[in-house]
């Protein structure tokens, strides 16, 4: 029996855990399942229950919970040894003040620099800082956030990258890449909500290199569903060096670049079907009828 918690993927048993904690009924279903399909917004409690009680779980997302937020991702990139912009990560403001009580952070990462709070997406909590006064203002904001229960931020090297960021979306074994490019000089916010445009065709060699780097990273970390953001430094390219820099992992990603939600659901269903087939598992229902229903 295959159990699905994903609202658009129909399996032999379809359950919904949105807005509640998993209970005994979920545990019993998962224990008897040959495979469990989880939603993109799966809670840590449901994920841990599925991983502990079923041999086949899709998607695998251990790094999302083991390395949470932008602070956790900075640690993950360091541990995996992948190239990324120079990044200083801080769990709290007190850690920043301790590490830089007798030296200046701009001696390590010069202005202009990028400041990111540990949460947020689509550039909402990303800031392009030009000087010390702007940094001081953000540190005051960090203190205010901590008083409300939100903590953590990173300070990152600004990479000259021709105002473009490569998005590589991983869905099972499928990798789709495209540039998000800005005409304006806003390198820290190359996303669609900030006015970026999609470019599927430019710099095909760089895209292929980026896809290969992401594929290798996912093989090591078992990530099966995420959107990766990569940069290519102008300085590297001027020297003939093609080196993708890992910027962020987005476990919740926009679908415009994938042709919209309906096309994304079709791609996801196909990849889940393929994942089940490779494990010798199959649904009692027909994948064709399911795809037609959600097409």
Protein backbone atom coordinates (compact mmCIF):
# COMPACT_ATOMS: atom_id res chain seq x y z
CA UNK A 1 0.00 0.00 0.00
CA UNK A 2 1.25 3.47 -0.92
CA UNK A 3 0.21 6.34 1.33
CA UNK A 4 0.11 9.93 0.12
CA UNK A 5 -0.04 13.08 2.22
CA UNK A 6 0.38 15.23 -0.87
CA UNK A 7 -2.92 16.93 -1.78
CA UNK A 8 -2.48 16.50 -5.55
CA UNK A 9 -0.92 13.05 -5.69
CA UNK A 10 -3.50 10.30 -5.33
CA UNK A 11 -2.26 6.99 -3.94
CA UNK A 12 -3.88 3.92 -2.42
CA UNK A 13 -4.53 5.78 0.84
CA UNK A 14 -4.71 9.58 0.89
CA UNK A 15 -4.31 11.42 4.19
CA UNK A 16 -4.08 15.07 5.19
CA UNK A 17 -1.94 16.26 8.08
CA UNK A 18 -2.17 19.99 7.38
CA UNK A 19 -2.80 22.03 10.50
CA UNK A 20 -2.44 19.14 12.92
CA UNK A 21 0.17 16.92 14.49
CA UNK A 22 0.46 13.35 13.21
CA UNK A 23 -1.28 10.87 15.50
CA UNK A 24 -1.71 7.18 16.08
CA UNK A 25 -3.75 6.68 12.91
CA UNK A 26 -0.94 8.21 10.86
CA UNK A 27 1.63 6.00 12.56
CA UNK A 28 -0.38 2.85 11.84
CA UNK A 29 -0.85 3.84 8.18
CA UNK A 30 2.83 4.65 7.73
CA UNK A 31 3.98 1.41 9.37
CA UNK A 32 1.90 -0.65 6.93
CA UNK A 33 2.87 1.43 3.88
CA UNK A 34 5.37 0.26 1.29
CA UNK A 35 6.02 3.94 0.45
CA UNK A 36 4.95 7.35 1.78
CA UNK A 37 4.57 10.47 -0.35
CA UNK A 38 4.91 13.69 1.65
CA UNK A 39 3.79 17.25 0.86
CA UNK A 40 6.29 19.98 0.13
CA UNK A 41 5.27 21.74 3.34
CA UNK A 42 5.69 18.63 5.48
CA UNK A 43 6.12 19.25 9.20
CA UNK A 44 9.17 17.95 11.01
CA UNK A 45 6.98 15.68 13.16
CA UNK A 46 5.38 14.00 10.15
CA UNK A 47 8.69 13.72 8.33
CA UNK A 48 10.43 12.10 11.29
CA UNK A 49 7.53 9.68 11.74
CA UNK A 50 7.65 8.65 8.10
CA UNK A 51 11.44 8.29 7.97
CA UNK A 52 11.50 6.22 11.16
CA UNK A 53 8.71 3.82 10.14
CA UNK A 54 8.83 3.40 6.36
CA UNK A 55 11.72 2.35 4.15
CA UNK A 56 10.64 4.46 1.15
CA UNK A 57 9.79 8.14 1.66
CA UNK A 58 9.51 10.84 -1.01
CA UNK A 59 10.79 13.47 -0.99
CA UNK A 60 13.84 13.07 1.22
CA UNK A 61 14.47 16.37 2.98
CA UNK A 62 16.83 15.67 5.88
CA UNK A 63 18.93 18.82 5.25
CA UNK A 64 15.84 21.02 5.48
CA UNK A 65 15.42 20.04 9.13
CA UNK A 66 19.06 19.30 10.03
CA UNK A 67 20.35 22.59 8.56
CA UNK A 68 17.42 25.02 8.90
CA UNK A 69 17.35 28.55 7.56
CA UNK A 70 20.10 30.52 5.89
CA UNK A 71 22.38 30.01 8.90
CA UNK A 72 22.01 26.25 8.62
CA UNK A 73 22.57 26.30 4.87
CA UNK A 74 25.83 28.21 5.31
CA UNK A 75 26.99 25.42 7.61
CA UNK A 76 25.80 22.76 5.14
CA UNK A 77 27.71 24.35 2.24
CA UNK A 78 30.85 24.48 4.39
CA UNK A 79 30.52 20.85 5.47
CA UNK A 80 29.90 19.68 1.90
CA UNK A 81 32.87 21.64 0.65
CA UNK A 82 30.99 23.36 -2.19
CA UNK A 83 31.96 26.76 -3.53
CA UNK A 84 29.82 29.59 -2.19
CA UNK A 85 30.16 33.31 -1.49
CA UNK A 86 32.16 34.08 1.63
CA UNK A 87 29.54 33.95 4.39
CA UNK A 88 29.56 34.65 8.11
CA UNK A 89 26.62 33.05 9.91
CA UNK A 90 25.28 34.03 13.34
CA UNK A 91 22.66 32.20 15.38
CA UNK A 92 22.04 35.37 17.41
CA UNK A 93 23.23 38.95 17.79
CA UNK A 94 25.26 38.00 20.88
CA UNK A 95 27.35 35.66 18.72
CA UNK A 96 28.09 38.49 16.29
CA UNK A 97 29.06 40.83 19.13
CA UNK A 98 31.35 38.20 20.67
CA UNK A 99 33.13 37.36 17.42
CA UNK A 100 33.58 40.98 16.40
CA UNK A 101 34.16 42.73 19.71
CA UNK A 102 37.77 43.62 18.87
CA UNK A 103 37.73 43.56 15.08
CA UNK A 104 35.46 44.77 12.34
CA UNK A 105 33.34 42.50 10.17
CA UNK A 106 34.08 44.71 7.15
CA UNK A 107 37.74 43.74 7.44
CA UNK A 108 36.66 40.23 6.42
CA UNK A 109 33.75 41.06 4.11
CA UNK A 110 34.13 44.57 2.69
CA UNK A 111 31.34 46.92 1.73
CA UNK A 112 29.15 46.64 -0.23
CA UNK A 113 27.98 43.47 1.50
CA UNK A 114 24.81 41.39 1.69
CA UNK A 115 22.85 40.99 4.94
CA UNK A 116 20.21 38.26 5.19
CA UNK A 117 17.95 37.38 8.05
CA UNK A 118 17.62 33.65 8.68
CA UNK A 119 14.05 33.51 7.37
CA UNK A 120 12.06 34.92 4.48
CA UNK A 121 11.98 34.37 0.74
CA UNK A 122 11.83 36.24 -2.57
CA UNK A 123 14.36 38.78 -1.30
CA UNK A 124 12.09 40.10 1.46
CA UNK A 125 14.74 39.87 4.19
CA UNK A 126 17.81 40.47 2.03
CA UNK A 127 19.64 43.80 2.18
CA UNK A 128 22.41 45.32 0.05
CA UNK A 129 24.53 47.34 2.51
CA UNK A 130 26.81 50.16 1.41
CA UNK A 131 28.29 51.38 4.68
CA UNK A 132 28.60 51.01 8.44
CA UNK A 133 25.50 53.04 9.23
CA UNK A 134 23.33 50.67 7.20
CA UNK A 135 24.90 47.71 8.96
CA UNK A 136 24.23 49.29 12.37
CA UNK A 137 20.60 49.82 11.39
CA UNK A 138 20.22 46.16 10.42
CA UNK A 139 21.85 45.00 13.66
CA UNK A 140 19.30 47.10 15.59
CA UNK A 141 16.55 45.44 13.57
CA UNK A 142 18.08 42.04 14.40
CA UNK A 143 17.88 42.90 18.10
CA UNK A 144 14.20 43.83 17.71
CA UNK A 145 13.47 40.57 15.89
CA UNK A 146 15.17 38.60 18.67
CA UNK A 147 12.94 40.24 21.25
CA UNK A 148 9.96 38.91 19.27
CA UNK A 149 11.44 35.40 19.08
CA UNK A 150 13.13 35.45 15.65
CA UNK A 151 16.90 35.16 15.58
CA UNK A 152 19.77 34.55 13.22
CA UNK A 153 21.33 36.26 10.22
CA UNK A 154 24.20 35.97 7.77
CA UNK A 155 26.57 38.53 6.31
CA UNK A 156 27.73 37.61 2.85
CA UNK A 157 30.18 38.71 0.22
CA UNK A 158 28.63 40.56 -2.70
CA UNK A 159 29.38 38.71 -5.94
CA UNK A 160 29.46 40.61 -9.22
CA UNK A 161 27.41 38.30 -11.42
CA UNK A 162 25.96 40.41 -14.26
CA UNK A 163 22.74 40.78 -12.27
CA UNK A 164 21.70 37.20 -12.91
CA UNK A 165 21.11 34.18 -10.72
CA UNK A 166 20.74 30.61 -11.94
CA UNK A 167 17.80 28.70 -10.49
CA UNK A 168 18.11 24.92 -10.68
CA UNK A 169 14.95 23.10 -9.65
CA UNK A 170 15.29 19.49 -8.54
CA UNK A 171 12.21 17.27 -8.79
CA UNK A 172 13.25 13.67 -8.18
CA UNK A 173 15.85 13.00 -10.87
CA UNK A 174 14.65 15.88 -13.06
CA UNK A 175 16.67 19.09 -13.09
CA UNK A 176 15.35 22.26 -14.73
CA UNK A 177 17.44 25.42 -14.94
CA UNK A 178 16.84 29.02 -15.96
CA UNK A 179 18.30 32.44 -15.27
CA UNK A 180 16.54 35.08 -13.27
CA UNK A 181 17.99 38.29 -14.65
CA UNK A 182 17.62 41.91 -13.61
CA UNK A 183 18.23 44.92 -15.80
CA UNK A 184 18.59 47.11 -12.71
CA UNK A 185 21.63 46.97 -10.43
CA UNK A 186 20.06 44.85 -7.68
CA UNK A 187 22.33 41.79 -7.48
CA UNK A 188 21.05 40.74 -4.05
CA UNK A 189 17.45 40.42 -5.24
CA UNK A 190 17.46 38.61 -8.59
CA UNK A 191 14.00 37.12 -8.13
CA UNK A 192 10.70 37.49 -9.92
CA UNK A 193 8.98 39.47 -7.17
CA UNK A 194 11.67 42.13 -7.53
CA UNK A 195 11.24 42.43 -11.27
CA UNK A 196 13.59 39.78 -12.60
CA UNK A 197 12.87 38.23 -15.98
CA UNK A 198 13.22 34.57 -16.93
CA UNK A 199 15.89 33.49 -19.38
CA UNK A 200 16.05 29.81 -20.35
CA UNK A 201 18.51 30.06 -23.23
CA UNK A 202 21.53 32.19 -22.31
CA UNK A 203 24.91 30.74 -21.29
CA UNK A 204 23.95 27.10 -21.87
CA UNK A 205 27.39 25.90 -20.78
CA UNK A 206 27.07 27.67 -17.43
CA UNK A 207 23.60 26.20 -16.96
CA UNK A 208 24.86 22.69 -17.63
CA UNK A 209 27.73 23.18 -15.17
CA UNK A 210 25.26 24.44 -12.57
CA UNK A 211 22.93 21.48 -13.09
CA UNK A 212 25.84 19.05 -12.73
CA UNK A 213 26.98 20.72 -9.50
CA UNK A 214 23.47 20.58 -8.04
CA UNK A 215 23.01 16.95 -9.12
CA UNK A 216 26.25 15.96 -7.34
CA UNK A 217 25.22 17.91 -4.23
CA UNK A 218 21.82 16.20 -4.17
CA UNK A 219 23.37 12.75 -4.52
CA UNK A 220 25.46 13.41 -1.41
CA UNK A 221 22.69 15.01 0.65
CA UNK A 222 19.68 13.02 -0.65
CA UNK A 223 17.71 16.18 -1.52
CA UNK A 224 14.89 15.28 -3.92
CA UNK A 225 12.77 18.42 -4.11
CA UNK A 226 14.20 21.95 -3.94
CA UNK A 227 15.15 25.04 -5.89
CA UNK A 228 18.84 25.94 -5.79
CA UNK A 229 20.17 29.43 -6.47
CA UNK A 230 23.66 29.65 -7.97
CA UNK A 231 25.89 32.56 -8.95
CA UNK A 232 28.76 32.80 -11.41
CA UNK A 233 31.35 35.45 -10.58
CA UNK A 234 32.29 37.89 -13.33
CA UNK A 235 35.86 37.75 -12.02
CA UNK A 236 35.96 33.95 -12.42
CA UNK A 237 34.46 34.11 -15.91
CA UNK A 238 36.96 36.76 -16.99
CA UNK A 239 39.72 34.27 -16.08
CA UNK A 240 38.02 31.47 -17.98
CA UNK A 241 36.96 29.75 -14.75
CA UNK A 242 33.45 28.28 -14.65
CA UNK A 243 32.65 27.84 -10.98
CA UNK A 244 29.06 27.81 -9.69
CA UNK A 245 28.69 29.40 -6.26
CA UNK A 246 25.92 27.95 -4.10
CA UNK A 247 23.81 30.78 -2.76
CA UNK A 248 20.64 29.27 -1.25
CA UNK A 249 18.38 26.23 -1.16
CA UNK A 250 14.66 26.94 -1.45
CA UNK A 251 12.47 24.08 -0.25
CA UNK A 252 9.44 26.22 -1.15
CA UNK A 253 9.95 27.64 -4.62
CA UNK A 254 7.91 29.54 -7.17
CA UNK A 255 6.45 27.68 -10.12
CA UNK A 256 6.32 30.40 -12.76
CA UNK A 257 9.64 29.28 -14.20
CA UNK A 258 8.30 25.73 -14.40
CA UNK A 259 5.28 26.69 -16.50
CA UNK A 260 2.86 27.23 -13.63
CA UNK A 261 1.40 25.06 -10.90
CA UNK A 262 -0.44 22.59 -13.11
CA UNK A 263 2.68 21.80 -15.13
CA UNK A 264 4.68 21.51 -11.93
CA UNK A 265 2.16 19.00 -10.55
CA UNK A 266 2.46 16.93 -13.73
CA UNK A 267 6.24 16.91 -13.47
CA UNK A 268 6.06 15.99 -9.79
CA UNK A 269 3.58 13.14 -10.40
CA UNK A 270 5.78 11.74 -13.17
CA UNK A 271 8.85 11.81 -10.95
CA UNK A 272 7.01 10.14 -8.07
CA UNK A 273 5.76 7.44 -10.44
CA UNK A 274 9.32 6.89 -11.70
CA UNK A 275 10.66 6.81 -8.15
CA UNK A 276 8.12 4.12 -7.21
CA UNK A 277 8.89 2.12 -10.37
CA UNK A 278 12.63 2.06 -9.61
CA UNK A 279 11.76 0.49 -6.25
CA UNK A 280 9.47 -2.11 -7.74
CA UNK A 281 6.39 -0.45 -6.26
CA UNK A 282 3.17 0.49 -7.97
CA UNK A 283 -0.15 2.11 -7.24
CA UNK A 284 -3.41 0.25 -7.40
CA UNK A 285 -4.82 3.25 -9.34
CA UNK A 286 -3.70 4.21 -12.83
CA UNK A 287 -1.09 6.99 -13.11
CA UNK A 288 -2.66 8.00 -16.45
CA UNK A 289 -6.07 8.62 -14.92
CA UNK A 290 -4.48 10.57 -12.08
CA UNK A 291 -2.47 12.76 -14.46
CA UNK A 292 -5.58 13.45 -16.52
CA UNK A 293 -7.47 14.54 -13.42
CA UNK A 294 -4.80 17.08 -12.47
CA UNK A 295 -3.88 18.11 -16.01
